[in-house]
Amino acid sequence: MADPTEQRKTLGDATQVDAVCTELEGEIAALRAKYEQYFLGIERKPPAAEHTALKKRVNGLRNTFVRQVATKFRVEAVTNKMVTYERLWARTLQEIEAGTYRRDLFKLKLHSKSREEEQRAEKKAEREAEKAQKVQQAVEKKPEVPAVAAAPGVKPVAAVAPGKTGPQAPAAAVAGQISDQKMKAIYDAYVMAKRRCNEDVSKISLDGLAQTLRKQVPELMKAHNAKSVEFKIVIKDGKAILRALPKDT
């Protein structure tokens, strides 16, 4: 037998339900701010009318049925958030009525939370800065690579300033060998990058590119005492260029 609660639910469109969830999340945050102002003594009365109206909307959302799993989870998250805040507000109101509520402790909790968020943001910024610095140092230590001799339709590789690199071709040459599968991956990435830059790719062939790279890889490895050569695509002056990077590993 079907649950009578489920029978009362109305079928909703996932897009519309997502939009309602976004609105309710904003309204819950606004109601929370109003309650905090009341608890801090800034407002004289609790936002009871706004609370009742918002609770009615959340209950309406709860009784809306959607088939999409992601939307279901979001509806559940919004309703659970509302219930959690309601319990907190009710407990605080009871403490105020009983005369056991201490506004200074509430302020202390708010300030502690703000400090924790600021500290987390500062630590995250420091980690990002350290990571960027390490990447910059690694780039500066990389040896300059001579241009790869051009085959028909393949332009020479030029040095590119750090931070202007484009997508990396998913392949590397080890011991001077490039498999057909890896060569095809390099070719596809190179052609795709050129098309995105609105360049002509009619003269670029897989055989021509393979012949050029397989000839240059041993020379690059010998010149730089490298164990492998990695290929990446860089964008310079609006053009896609294939660059070889000798590696020690």
Foldseek 3Di string as FASTA:
>chain_A
DDDVLLVQAAEDDLVVLVVLLVVLVVLVVVLLVQLLCVLLVNDVDRPPVSLVVSVVSLVNSVSYDYDDPVSVVSNVVSNVVNVVVVVVSVVQVVCVVVVNHDSVVVVVVVVVVVVVVVVVVVVVVVVVVVVVVVVVVVVVPFDDFFWQDAFWQADTADDDDPPQFDFFQPDKFFPLDDDPVSLVSNLVVQVVLQVVLVHDRPGPDSVRVVVRSSVCFVVRCVVVVARMKGWTWGADPSGIHIDIGGHND
